[in-house]
């Protein structure tokens, strides 16, 4: 995986596990969400804000470039994992970013054991991977039309057949 060592608050899984244990020992409520996040939009920002409001510390786990490409296709990611980590860490509600290479967050949730898992409301509770490793699952209401795929399609529709104008 691409080196994120020089990005403050972007931790390895091992470092993140130690940090979660420390935070929970201090009585902090640790919230976790995950996704590809290769083209941030209002739906993501709203999700991060709500997730942070549910606890004290927000961890955002992002799919590695390889796992994102396996999930979304060979033309993605649009932004590499280093860039995505930096963008996400610029957002006020986000405390930490960690990268995971699997196609689901099950293994990293098992390792980290956060208190709360936040997922989009487009998932049924029974479909939420890793729910057995947290105390609580919060389903964030899905915002119709607020998806990366919709945003990509809008850009292609508007600019796909034309030369980009300044």
C-alpha atoms as a PDB file:
ATOM      1  CA  UNK A   1       0.000   0.000   0.000  1.00  0.00           C
ATOM      2  CA  UNK A   2       1.078   3.531  -0.700  1.00  0.00           C
ATOM      3  CA  UNK A   3       3.062   5.183   2.076  1.00  0.00           C
ATOM      4  CA  UNK A   4       0.943   7.570   4.166  1.00  0.00           C
ATOM      5  CA  UNK A   5       3.597   8.063   6.869  1.00  0.00           C
ATOM      6  CA  UNK A   6       4.016  11.786   6.292  1.00  0.00           C
ATOM      7  CA  UNK A   7       0.299  12.503   6.626  1.00  0.00           C
ATOM      8  CA  UNK A   8      -0.532  13.441  10.196  1.00  0.00           C
ATOM      9  CA  UNK A   9      -3.486  11.442  11.572  1.00  0.00           C
ATOM     10  CA  UNK A  10      -3.327   8.875   8.734  1.00  0.00           C
ATOM     11  CA  UNK A  11      -2.405   5.778  10.699  1.00  0.00           C
ATOM     12  CA  UNK A  12      -1.548   2.205   9.869  1.00  0.00           C
ATOM     13  CA  UNK A  13      -3.972  -0.438  11.089  1.00  0.00           C
ATOM     14  CA  UNK A  14      -1.610  -1.379  13.918  1.00  0.00           C
ATOM     15  CA  UNK A  15      -1.224   2.256  14.994  1.00  0.00           C
ATOM     16  CA  UNK A  16      -4.993   2.800  14.719  1.00  0.00           C
ATOM     17  CA  UNK A  17      -5.692  -0.254  16.908  1.00  0.00           C
ATOM     18  CA  UNK A  18      -3.407   1.120  19.622  1.00  0.00           C
ATOM     19  CA  UNK A  19      -5.030   4.553  19.336  1.00  0.00           C
ATOM     20  CA  UNK A  20      -8.552   3.095  19.621  1.00  0.00           C
ATOM     21  CA  UNK A  21      -7.541   1.171  22.762  1.00  0.00           C
ATOM     22  CA  UNK A  22      -6.039   4.340  24.271  1.00  0.00           C
ATOM     23  CA  UNK A  23      -9.088   6.451  23.437  1.00  0.00           C
ATOM     24  CA  UNK A  24     -11.555   3.888  24.788  1.00  0.00           C
ATOM     25  CA  UNK A  25      -9.475   3.533  27.973  1.00  0.00           C
ATOM     26  CA  UNK A  26      -9.893   7.314  28.392  1.00  0.00           C
ATOM     27  CA  UNK A  27     -13.673   6.862  28.098  1.00  0.00           C
ATOM     28  CA  UNK A  28     -13.954   8.261  24.576  1.00  0.00           C
ATOM     29  CA  UNK A  29     -16.656   6.968  22.255  1.00  0.00           C
ATOM     30  CA  UNK A  30     -15.043   5.941  18.953  1.00  0.00           C
ATOM     31  CA  UNK A  31     -17.112   6.185  15.757  1.00  0.00           C
ATOM     32  CA  UNK A  32     -16.128   4.446  12.527  1.00  0.00           C
ATOM     33  CA  UNK A  33     -17.294   4.806   8.950  1.00  0.00           C
ATOM     34  CA  UNK A  34     -15.780   3.579   5.738  1.00  0.00           C
ATOM     35  CA  UNK A  35     -15.994   3.871   1.993  1.00  0.00           C
ATOM     36  CA  UNK A  36     -14.221   4.672  -1.235  1.00  0.00           C
ATOM     37  CA  UNK A  37     -14.567   8.467  -1.064  1.00  0.00           C
ATOM     38  CA  UNK A  38     -12.756   9.075  -4.348  1.00  0.00           C
ATOM     39  CA  UNK A  39     -14.950  12.037  -5.269  1.00  0.00           C
ATOM     40  CA  UNK A  40     -16.241  13.816  -2.188  1.00  0.00           C
ATOM     41  CA  UNK A  41     -19.741  15.306  -2.312  1.00  0.00           C
ATOM     42  CA  UNK A  42     -22.352  16.742   0.032  1.00  0.00           C
ATOM     43  CA  UNK A  43     -23.644  13.291   1.002  1.00  0.00           C
ATOM     44  CA  UNK A  44     -20.198  12.348   2.332  1.00  0.00           C
ATOM     45  CA  UNK A  45     -19.799  15.608   4.241  1.00  0.00           C
ATOM     46  CA  UNK A  46     -23.235  15.173   5.844  1.00  0.00           C
ATOM     47  CA  UNK A  47     -22.366  11.588   6.783  1.00  0.00           C
ATOM     48  CA  UNK A  48     -19.082  12.659   8.416  1.00  0.00           C
ATOM     49  CA  UNK A  49     -20.791  15.458  10.368  1.00  0.00           C
ATOM     50  CA  UNK A  50     -23.497  13.129  11.666  1.00  0.00           C
ATOM     51  CA  UNK A  51     -20.995  10.387  12.479  1.00  0.00           C
ATOM     52  CA  UNK A  52     -18.855  12.775  14.516  1.00  0.00           C
ATOM     53  CA  UNK A  53     -21.921  13.975  16.444  1.00  0.00           C
ATOM     54  CA  UNK A  54     -22.521  10.397  17.650  1.00  0.00           C
ATOM     55  CA  UNK A  55     -19.243  10.174  19.564  1.00  0.00           C
ATOM     56  CA  UNK A  56     -15.965  11.782  20.491  1.00  0.00           C
ATOM     57  CA  UNK A  57     -13.602  10.547  17.773  1.00  0.00           C
ATOM     58  CA  UNK A  58     -14.300   9.783  14.114  1.00  0.00           C
ATOM     59  CA  UNK A  59     -12.235   7.280  12.157  1.00  0.00           C
ATOM     60  CA  UNK A  60     -12.760   7.153   8.399  1.00  0.00           C
ATOM     61  CA  UNK A  61     -11.461   3.971   6.793  1.00  0.00           C
ATOM     62  CA  UNK A  62     -10.878   4.248   3.058  1.00  0.00           C
ATOM     63  CA  UNK A  63     -10.537   1.449   0.548  1.00  0.00           C
ATOM     64  CA  UNK A  64      -7.054   1.105  -0.889  1.00  0.00           C
ATOM     65  CA  UNK A  65      -6.655   1.974  -4.550  1.00  0.00           C
ATOM     66  CA  UNK A  66      -6.570  -1.727  -5.444  1.00  0.00           C
ATOM     67  CA  UNK A  67      -9.696  -2.661  -3.477  1.00  0.00           C
ATOM     68  CA  UNK A  68     -11.576   0.392  -4.785  1.00  0.00           C
ATOM     69  CA  UNK A  69     -10.714  -0.559  -8.362  1.00  0.00           C
ATOM     70  CA  UNK A  70     -11.940  -4.113  -7.730  1.00  0.00           C
ATOM     71  CA  UNK A  71     -15.218  -2.765  -6.327  1.00  0.00           C
ATOM     72  CA  UNK A  72     -15.898   0.091  -8.753  1.00  0.00           C
ATOM     73  CA  UNK A  73     -14.062  -0.871 -11.925  1.00  0.00           C
ATOM     74  CA  UNK A  74     -10.740  -0.192 -13.656  1.00  0.00           C
ATOM     75  CA  UNK A  75     -11.365   3.533 -14.215  1.00  0.00           C
ATOM     76  CA  UNK A  76     -11.421   4.169 -10.487  1.00  0.00           C
ATOM     77  CA  UNK A  77     -10.187   5.511  -8.171  1.00  0.00           C
ATOM     78  CA  UNK A  78     -10.415   9.031  -9.497  1.00  0.00           C
ATOM     79  CA  UNK A  79      -8.104  10.201  -6.685  1.00  0.00           C
ATOM     80  CA  UNK A  80      -5.440   7.912  -5.236  1.00  0.00           C
ATOM     81  CA  UNK A  81      -5.532   6.817  -1.593  1.00  0.00           C
ATOM     82  CA  UNK A  82      -2.910   9.331  -0.498  1.00  0.00           C
ATOM     83  CA  UNK A  83      -4.928  12.198  -1.997  1.00  0.00           C
ATOM     84  CA  UNK A  84      -8.179  10.840  -0.555  1.00  0.00           C
ATOM     85  CA  UNK A  85      -6.623  10.549   2.913  1.00  0.00           C
ATOM     86  CA  UNK A  86      -5.414  14.157   2.738  1.00  0.00           C
ATOM     87  CA  UNK A  87      -8.774  15.512   1.525  1.00  0.00           C
ATOM     88  CA  UNK A  88     -10.707  13.673   4.201  1.00  0.00           C
ATOM     89  CA  UNK A  89      -8.368  14.786   6.972  1.00  0.00           C
ATOM     90  CA  UNK A  90      -8.929  18.417   5.980  1.00  0.00           C
ATOM     91  CA  UNK A  91     -12.560  18.002   7.038  1.00  0.00           C
ATOM     92  CA  UNK A  92     -13.278  19.220  10.556  1.00  0.00           C
ATOM     93  CA  UNK A  93     -15.265  16.214  11.814  1.00  0.00           C
ATOM     94  CA  UNK A  94     -12.610  13.651  10.817  1.00  0.00           C
ATOM     95  CA  UNK A  95     -10.011  12.750  13.417  1.00  0.00           C
ATOM     96  CA  UNK A  96      -8.209   9.825  11.744  1.00  0.00           C
ATOM     97  CA  UNK A  97      -7.950   8.041   8.410  1.00  0.00           C
ATOM     98  CA  UNK A  98      -6.868   4.452   7.963  1.00  0.00           C
ATOM     99  CA  UNK A  99      -6.575   2.516   4.684  1.00  0.00           C
ATOM    100  CA  UNK A 100      -7.809  -1.047   4.289  1.00  0.00           C
ATOM    101  CA  UNK A 101      -7.087  -3.357   1.373  1.00  0.00           C
ATOM    102  CA  UNK A 102     -10.018  -5.751   1.581  1.00  0.00           C
ATOM    103  CA  UNK A 103     -13.267  -5.256  -0.319  1.00  0.00           C
ATOM    104  CA  UNK A 104     -15.265  -5.090   2.926  1.00  0.00           C
ATOM    105  CA  UNK A 105     -14.419  -3.534   6.291  1.00  0.00           C
ATOM    106  CA  UNK A 106     -15.061  -6.752   8.237  1.00  0.00           C
ATOM    107  CA  UNK A 107     -11.416  -7.477   9.069  1.00  0.00           C
ATOM    108  CA  UNK A 108     -10.532  -3.915  10.075  1.00  0.00           C
ATOM    109  CA  UNK A 109     -13.680  -3.631  12.210  1.00  0.00           C
ATOM    110  CA  UNK A 110     -12.720  -6.881  13.916  1.00  0.00           C
ATOM    111  CA  UNK A 111      -9.254  -5.454  14.621  1.00  0.00           C
ATOM    112  CA  UNK A 112     -10.290  -1.965  15.738  1.00  0.00           C
ATOM    113  CA  UNK A 113     -13.558  -2.699  17.583  1.00  0.00           C
ATOM    114  CA  UNK A 114     -14.926   0.875  17.555  1.00  0.00           C
ATOM    115  CA  UNK A 115     -18.025   1.688  19.608  1.00  0.00           C
ATOM    116  CA  UNK A 116     -20.265   2.859  16.759  1.00  0.00           C
ATOM    117  CA  UNK A 117     -20.374   1.967  13.063  1.00  0.00           C
ATOM    118  CA  UNK A 118     -22.041   4.469  10.728  1.00  0.00           C
ATOM    119  CA  UNK A 119     -23.215   3.328   7.303  1.00  0.00           C
ATOM    120  CA  UNK A 120     -25.457   4.778   4.637  1.00  0.00           C
ATOM    121  CA  UNK A 121     -29.175   4.112   4.937  1.00  0.00           C
ATOM    122  CA  UNK A 122     -29.139   2.320   1.590  1.00  0.00           C
ATOM    123  CA  UNK A 123     -27.902  -0.742   3.535  1.00  0.00           C
ATOM    124  CA  UNK A 124     -30.310  -2.908   5.502  1.00  0.00           C
ATOM    125  CA  UNK A 125     -29.041  -3.668   9.008  1.00  0.00           C
ATOM    126  CA  UNK A 126     -28.652  -7.341   8.102  1.00  0.00           C
ATOM    127  CA  UNK A 127     -26.396  -6.344   5.158  1.00  0.00           C
ATOM    128  CA  UNK A 128     -23.998  -4.192   7.188  1.00  0.00           C
ATOM    129  CA  UNK A 129     -20.674  -6.000   7.256  1.00  0.00           C
ATOM    130  CA  UNK A 130     -18.892  -6.012  10.617  1.00  0.00           C
ATOM    131  CA  UNK A 131     -21.904  -5.004  12.712  1.00  0.00           C
ATOM    132  CA  UNK A 132     -21.073  -7.807  15.146  1.00  0.00           C
ATOM    133  CA  UNK A 133     -17.845  -6.022  16.160  1.00  0.00           C
ATOM    134  CA  UNK A 134     -19.441  -2.791  17.429  1.00  0.00           C
ATOM    135  CA  UNK A 135     -21.817  -1.842  20.237  1.00  0.00           C
ATOM    136  CA  UNK A 136     -24.128   0.160  17.983  1.00  0.00           C
ATOM    137  CA  UNK A 137     -24.847   0.621  14.265  1.00  0.00           C
ATOM    138  CA  UNK A 138     -26.263   3.888  12.965  1.00  0.00           C
ATOM    139  CA  UNK A 139     -27.777   3.955   9.492  1.00  0.00           C
ATOM    140  CA  UNK A 140     -27.406   7.426   7.972  1.00  0.00           C
ATOM    141  CA  UNK A 141     -30.405   8.332   5.791  1.00  0.00           C
ATOM    142  CA  UNK A 142     -29.553   7.874   2.125  1.00  0.00           C
ATOM    143  CA  UNK A 143     -29.802  11.122   0.167  1.00  0.00           C
ATOM    144  CA  UNK A 144     -31.325  10.378  -3.207  1.00  0.00           C
ATOM    145  CA  UNK A 145     -29.165  11.671  -6.028  1.00  0.00           C
ATOM    146  CA  UNK A 146     -26.168  12.322  -3.742  1.00  0.00           C
ATOM    147  CA  UNK A 147     -23.746   9.652  -4.898  1.00  0.00           C
ATOM    148  CA  UNK A 148     -20.351   9.556  -6.528  1.00  0.00           C
ATOM    149  CA  UNK A 149     -21.795   7.613  -9.475  1.00  0.00           C
ATOM    150  CA  UNK A 150     -24.480  10.263 -10.032  1.00  0.00           C
ATOM    151  CA  UNK A 151     -21.858  13.017  -9.863  1.00  0.00           C
ATOM    152  CA  UNK A 152     -19.609  11.213 -12.360  1.00  0.00           C
ATOM    153  CA  UNK A 153     -22.581  10.702 -14.698  1.00  0.00           C
ATOM    154  CA  UNK A 154     -23.517  14.388 -14.446  1.00  0.00           C
ATOM    155  CA  UNK A 155     -19.969  15.447 -15.324  1.00  0.00           C
ATOM    156  CA  UNK A 156     -19.840  13.035 -18.279  1.00  0.00           C
ATOM    157  CA  UNK A 157     -23.277  14.202 -19.488  1.00  0.00           C
ATOM    158  CA  UNK A 158     -22.254  17.851 -19.339  1.00  0.00           C
ATOM    159  CA  UNK A 159     -18.659  17.647 -20.491  1.00  0.00           C
ATOM    160  CA  UNK A 160     -18.073  14.201 -21.976  1.00  0.00           C
ATOM    161  CA  UNK A 161     -18.398  15.091 -25.641  1.00  0.00           C
ATOM    162  CA  UNK A 162     -17.126  18.665 -25.500  1.00  0.00           C
ATOM    163  CA  UNK A 163     -13.772  20.231 -25.009  1.00  0.00           C
ATOM    164  CA  UNK A 164     -13.515  21.551 -21.477  1.00  0.00           C
ATOM    165  CA  UNK A 165     -13.904  25.321 -21.440  1.00  0.00           C
ATOM    166  CA  UNK A 166     -12.295  27.604 -18.888  1.00  0.00           C
END
